[in-house]
Every structure is written in C-alpha cells, then in structure tokens.
Protein backbone atom coordinates (compact mmCIF):
# COMPACT_ATOMS: atom_id res chain seq x y z
CA MET A 1 5.61 -61.16 -19.16
CA PRO A 2 7.28 -57.84 -18.18
CA LYS A 3 6.80 -56.35 -14.54
CA ARG A 4 4.40 -53.51 -14.71
CA HIS A 5 6.37 -49.93 -12.76
CA PRO A 6 4.30 -49.91 -9.60
CA ASN A 7 4.75 -46.08 -9.61
CA HIS A 8 3.42 -45.94 -13.45
CA GLY A 9 -0.41 -47.25 -13.25
CA GLY A 10 -2.15 -43.92 -12.45
CA ALA A 11 -0.22 -41.21 -14.10
CA TRP A 12 -2.82 -40.81 -16.85
CA LYS A 13 -5.90 -40.35 -14.77
CA VAL A 14 -3.13 -37.33 -13.05
CA ALA A 15 -2.71 -35.68 -16.54
CA TYR A 16 -6.32 -36.43 -17.55
CA ALA A 17 -7.42 -33.83 -14.12
CA ASP A 18 -4.97 -31.63 -15.30
CA PHE A 19 -5.91 -31.32 -18.65
CA ILE A 20 -10.41 -31.11 -17.56
CA THR A 21 -9.55 -28.46 -15.19
CA ALA A 22 -7.25 -26.57 -17.94
CA MET A 23 -10.36 -26.85 -19.86
CA MET A 24 -12.70 -25.56 -17.51
CA ALA A 25 -10.31 -22.72 -16.93
CA LEU A 26 -10.64 -22.16 -20.89
CA PHE A 27 -13.99 -21.74 -21.56
CA LEU A 28 -14.22 -19.82 -17.97
CA VAL A 29 -12.55 -17.53 -20.01
CA LEU A 30 -14.04 -17.69 -23.02
CA TRP A 31 -16.89 -16.85 -20.99
CA LEU A 32 -16.02 -13.84 -19.44
CA THR A 33 -14.61 -12.08 -22.67
CA SER A 34 -17.82 -12.61 -24.55
CA GLN A 35 -19.63 -10.70 -21.52
CA ASP A 36 -20.39 -6.83 -21.99
CA GLN A 37 -18.59 -4.77 -19.59
CA LYS A 38 -21.13 -4.89 -16.76
CA ILE A 39 -20.99 -8.74 -16.49
CA LYS A 40 -17.02 -8.13 -16.36
CA GLU A 41 -17.21 -5.34 -13.90
CA ALA A 42 -19.76 -7.59 -11.72
CA VAL A 43 -17.98 -10.66 -12.09
CA GLN A 44 -14.14 -8.53 -11.08
CA ARG A 45 -16.40 -6.83 -7.65
CA SER A 46 -17.34 -9.60 -6.82
CA PHE A 47 -13.90 -11.50 -6.44
CA ARG A 48 -12.79 -8.90 -4.54
CA ASN A 49 -15.42 -8.81 -2.33
CA PRO A 50 -17.84 -11.76 -2.21
CA PHE A 51 -20.13 -10.72 0.23
CA SER A 52 -21.04 -7.79 -0.78
CA SER A 53 -23.99 -5.95 -3.23
CA VAL A 54 -21.82 -6.57 -6.92
CA THR A 55 -24.52 -3.96 -8.97
CA LYS A 56 -26.90 -2.16 -7.83
CA ASP A 57 -30.18 -4.34 -8.22
CA SER A 58 -27.94 -7.48 -7.75
CA THR A 59 -25.77 -9.44 -5.92
CA GLY A 60 -24.62 -11.14 -9.10
CA ILE A 61 -25.42 -11.91 -12.50
CA ILE A 62 -28.62 -12.68 -11.36
CA PRO A 63 -31.30 -10.19 -12.87
CA ALA A 64 -33.30 -7.83 -9.73
CA LYS A 65 -36.47 -8.75 -11.74
CA ASP A 66 -35.54 -12.77 -10.80
CA VAL A 67 -35.31 -11.16 -7.05
CA GLN A 68 -38.18 -9.60 -7.35
CA ALA A 69 -40.23 -11.88 -7.58
CA VAL A 70 -40.45 -13.17 -3.81
CA LYS A 71 -43.01 -11.25 -2.43
CA SER A 72 -45.40 -11.69 0.20
CA SER A 73 -48.76 -9.98 0.88
CA SER A 74 -47.05 -8.29 4.05
CA GLY A 75 -44.20 -7.47 2.15
CA ASN A 76 -41.16 -8.67 -0.30
CA PHE A 77 -36.78 -9.06 0.42
CA ASP A 78 -36.44 -5.37 -2.25
CA SER A 79 -33.65 -4.70 0.55
CA SER A 80 -32.24 -7.91 0.94
CA SER A 81 -29.68 -9.70 -1.87
CA ALA A 82 -30.27 -12.78 -3.98
CA VAL A 83 -27.67 -14.77 -1.40
CA GLU A 84 -30.22 -13.39 1.62
CA LEU A 85 -33.34 -14.69 -0.23
CA ASN A 86 -31.63 -17.94 -0.95
CA MET A 87 -30.79 -18.44 3.05
CA LEU A 88 -33.72 -17.32 3.74
CA ARG A 89 -35.87 -19.28 1.60
CA LYS A 90 -33.79 -22.74 2.65
CA LEU A 91 -34.28 -21.75 6.68
CA ALA A 92 -37.55 -22.25 5.32
CA ASP A 93 -38.03 -24.82 3.65
CA ASP A 94 -35.64 -26.39 7.11
CA LEU A 95 -38.71 -25.28 9.62
CA LEU A 96 -40.62 -26.21 7.80
CA LYS A 97 -39.92 -29.67 6.90
CA THR A 98 -39.10 -29.96 11.02
CA LEU A 99 -41.62 -28.18 12.46
CA ASN A 100 -45.00 -28.88 10.43
CA SER A 101 -45.21 -32.17 10.62
CA ASN A 102 -48.62 -32.50 9.09
CA PRO A 103 -48.61 -29.87 5.70
CA GLU A 104 -52.57 -31.15 4.41
CA SER A 105 -53.79 -29.39 7.22
CA PRO A 106 -52.82 -25.85 8.24
CA GLU A 107 -55.12 -25.03 10.81
CA GLU A 108 -52.58 -27.71 13.07
CA GLN A 109 -49.62 -26.33 11.59
CA PRO A 110 -47.32 -25.21 14.74
CA LEU A 111 -45.79 -21.95 12.90
CA LYS A 112 -46.33 -19.72 9.86
CA LEU A 113 -43.20 -17.91 8.30
CA GLU A 114 -43.92 -14.67 6.70
CA PRO A 115 -40.93 -12.81 4.40
CA THR A 116 -40.48 -8.80 5.49
CA PRO A 117 -39.06 -6.39 3.64
CA ASP A 118 -35.76 -7.41 6.18
CA GLY A 119 -35.89 -10.74 6.58
CA MET A 120 -39.41 -13.14 7.97
CA ARG A 121 -41.45 -13.03 10.77
CA ILE A 122 -42.09 -16.86 12.46
CA SER A 123 -45.17 -17.60 14.30
CA ILE A 124 -45.23 -20.11 16.69
CA PHE A 125 -48.70 -20.97 17.79
CA ASP A 126 -50.02 -22.27 21.61
CA ARG A 127 -53.39 -23.92 19.81
CA ASN A 128 -55.46 -25.70 21.99
CA ARG A 129 -54.87 -29.35 20.41
CA LYS A 130 -50.86 -28.61 20.49
CA PRO A 131 -50.02 -26.03 23.36
CA ILE A 132 -46.40 -24.91 23.51
CA PHE A 133 -47.63 -23.24 26.72
CA GLN A 134 -48.88 -24.53 29.99
CA PRO A 135 -52.81 -23.26 30.44
CA ASP A 136 -52.15 -19.39 31.70
CA THR A 137 -48.40 -19.99 32.49
CA ALA A 138 -44.82 -18.94 30.36
CA ASP A 139 -44.32 -22.81 30.90
CA PHE A 140 -43.54 -24.25 27.94
CA THR A 141 -44.76 -28.17 27.41
CA GLN A 142 -42.84 -30.60 26.50
CA TYR A 143 -43.96 -29.77 22.91
CA GLY A 144 -42.98 -26.05 23.10
CA GLU A 145 -39.51 -27.06 24.22
CA TRP A 146 -39.18 -29.36 21.27
CA ILE A 147 -40.63 -26.51 18.62
CA PHE A 148 -38.29 -23.95 20.26
CA THR A 149 -35.49 -25.89 20.53
CA THR A 150 -35.34 -26.80 17.51
CA LEU A 151 -35.79 -22.97 15.98
CA ALA A 152 -32.91 -22.24 18.16
CA TRP A 153 -30.45 -24.55 16.32
CA GLU A 154 -31.46 -22.80 13.55
CA VAL A 155 -31.97 -19.10 13.90
CA SER A 156 -28.40 -19.62 15.40
CA ARG A 157 -26.63 -20.32 12.15
CA PHE A 158 -26.96 -16.59 11.38
CA ALA A 159 -25.80 -15.71 14.73
CA GLY A 160 -23.41 -13.44 12.54
CA SER A 161 -25.48 -11.74 10.28
CA SER A 162 -29.51 -11.14 12.08
CA LEU A 163 -30.91 -9.64 14.70
CA VAL A 164 -34.13 -11.20 16.73
CA GLU A 165 -36.99 -9.25 17.90
CA LEU A 166 -39.56 -11.38 19.92
CA GLU A 167 -43.38 -10.75 20.52
CA GLY A 168 -45.81 -12.47 22.85
CA HIS A 169 -49.91 -11.90 22.25
CA THR A 170 -53.58 -13.75 23.77
CA GLU A 171 -56.08 -13.07 21.82
CA GLN A 172 -58.96 -10.77 22.75
CA GLY A 173 -61.72 -12.60 25.27
CA HIS A 174 -58.94 -14.78 26.84
CA VAL A 175 -59.66 -14.57 31.11
CA PRO A 176 -56.83 -13.57 32.56
CA PRO A 177 -55.99 -16.36 35.21
CA ARG A 178 -56.06 -13.06 38.25
CA GLU A 179 -57.05 -9.87 38.69
CA ASP A 180 -52.81 -8.77 39.16
CA TYR A 181 -51.55 -11.00 36.21
CA ASP A 182 -53.33 -9.65 33.24
CA ASN A 183 -53.17 -10.47 29.76
CA TRP A 184 -50.23 -7.44 29.37
CA GLN A 185 -47.61 -10.35 31.50
CA LEU A 186 -48.36 -13.01 30.46
CA SER A 187 -47.79 -12.62 26.84
CA THR A 188 -44.71 -10.47 27.72
CA ASP A 189 -43.83 -13.52 30.14
CA ARG A 190 -44.14 -15.36 27.30
CA ALA A 191 -42.35 -13.63 25.17
CA ASN A 192 -39.23 -13.81 27.78
CA ALA A 193 -39.56 -17.63 28.16
CA ALA A 194 -39.51 -18.07 24.39
CA LYS A 195 -35.82 -15.33 24.67
CA ARG A 196 -34.70 -17.73 27.34
CA LYS A 197 -35.00 -20.94 25.47
CA LEU A 198 -33.38 -19.37 22.24
CA VAL A 199 -30.32 -18.48 24.11
CA GLU A 200 -30.23 -21.24 25.81
CA HIS A 201 -29.65 -23.32 23.02
CA GLY A 202 -27.53 -21.23 20.59
CA VAL A 203 -28.99 -17.93 20.14
CA THR A 204 -26.39 -14.91 21.25
CA LEU A 205 -27.64 -12.67 23.57
CA ALA A 206 -26.40 -9.78 20.84
CA GLN A 207 -28.96 -10.66 18.67
CA ILE A 208 -31.81 -10.18 20.78
CA LEU A 209 -32.77 -6.61 19.68
CA LYS A 210 -36.27 -6.76 21.55
CA LEU A 211 -39.07 -8.18 23.31
CA ALA A 212 -42.37 -6.90 24.14
CA GLY A 213 -45.77 -8.42 24.84
CA PHE A 214 -49.24 -6.89 23.24
CA ALA A 215 -51.76 -8.71 24.85
CA ASP A 216 -54.69 -9.24 22.80
CA ARG A 217 -53.92 -5.76 20.71
CA MET A 218 -52.76 -7.14 17.22
CA PRO A 219 -54.44 -9.77 16.10
CA MET A 220 -53.60 -12.33 12.69
CA PRO A 221 -54.46 -10.55 9.42
CA ASN A 222 -57.03 -12.15 8.47
CA VAL A 223 -58.17 -13.45 11.30
CA GLN A 224 -61.11 -13.34 13.35
CA PRO A 225 -59.56 -11.52 17.11
CA GLN A 226 -60.86 -14.06 18.99
CA ASP A 227 -59.91 -17.39 16.72
CA GLU A 228 -56.76 -18.93 18.83
CA SER A 229 -54.59 -18.06 16.11
CA ASN A 230 -54.12 -15.09 18.54
CA ARG A 231 -52.48 -16.72 20.72
CA ARG A 232 -49.22 -17.04 19.68
CA VAL A 233 -45.24 -16.24 19.43
CA ALA A 234 -43.52 -14.25 17.22
CA ILE A 235 -40.15 -14.02 16.05
CA LEU A 236 -38.60 -11.31 13.95
CA LEU A 237 -35.69 -12.58 12.40
CA LYS A 238 -33.99 -9.41 10.95
CA ILE A 239 -30.80 -8.90 8.48
CA LYS A 240 -27.91 -6.65 9.68
CA PRO A 241 -27.44 -3.56 7.79
CA GLY A 242 -24.90 -4.62 5.59
CA SER A 243 -24.38 -8.50 6.16
CA ARG A 244 -25.40 -10.89 4.30
CA LEU A 245 -27.06 -14.13 5.78
C-alpha cells in the first residue's frame, strides 16, 4: 500500500481557503462597481478615515432616516453618528442587563437611561427600599457601592471619547439632617461621592467636566416633586465634539 506524503494531506484546504477569499474579493469589487458615485465616495472616505463621518447625514451607507429613528421625549441623537448610536445602545443594554434585576417592576429599578442630543443621562435612584446612600449622608451603602462600581467599569470604556457631568438631587420636603447642613450641601456631597467612586474604578479625572448639587430644584419630569424618585444622582455621559465612541 503506497504511503501518503505527510505534507500533502492539508494542501487542498489551503487552496480552498484561497479560492473562497478570492471569490469574496471578486463579489465585493462587483458590488462596489455597481453602486452610484455617492456610495463609492462614501466607501472611499471610510477607508481613508474610518472614525470620521463619511457623509453629511450619515457615517456610512446607513441612511440618515435610520439614525433619526432613535428618539426620546428628552431629545435625540441627531448630532451623533451611527457608530455612536450603536455604542450607546450597547452601553445601555449592558447597564440594564447588569443593574436592573427586576425589569417587570419599574418603580424598583435602580436607574433610568435617557438619550440626550449629545449622549446619555443615567439617573441612579436612592430609593427607600434599595438606598444607595446611608440616610442623610454621602456615604454609600453596600448596594450603592456596587451600583457605582459597575457604572464606572462601563463608563471607563469610553475614556477617550466621552465627558462626564455629575448632578446630585433631593426631593422636595426632605428635612436636612441638621441646620448647618442643608439639601444643597447634601446633594453636592453625594455628587462628589459619586465622582470619587467612578474615578476609583477606572473613570479618569480628565473625563469629569462638571459636578453640581441642585437640592430639590430640578424634580424628574412627570413626577411629583415630593416623590422619592427625585432623590438621585445623575450621570451625563457626553460625547466629545469630533469623537466617536
């Protein structure tokens, strides 16, 4: 029985792979040559600089109307590219899957995600049943530490292309813990505590753009000013001008 040469057994696999690659290249060339001039120019620009917008209304061959489809009551992503949209959707999905352990009960959810014209607002609620802070302090509960540590890991993924603003809020009617420490100070201290926790777990100081406490002056839309949902910290994740997430 003749012996098979040890180097001949897989040669056909290499040849087949080369053939498939050549066919894919051929089909791509045929597809490109059949497109109109606008599409050809868009593809050319995307290869020259894949991280910049290739047309006025879109970052690729995705129609602008598909980008416009993502809207919310508080704004839309008109100023963002399709790449930004996809990355922000991915961030939102990751956060919701990780942190919203009871999606069927919205009043129990620890956070709310809202698209804005230049990024995303993440509201983290200090609810009575699941507080993120110790009462009347800026000290995190164990649950609050977990929430902000997880948020930090997600936000730090976009260190080079995003800026972060932090806001502290209280509900109307909240009685300050003492006369010399009012709700303005409490809300500011909680925003500052959130900043420290984010930086501790990966967010860079260069990402922090603004930090403020608003006491009870900015209640949530469509929520009674006295509702506990107004006791919250908001993280505004903003896309840097000219950047891509």
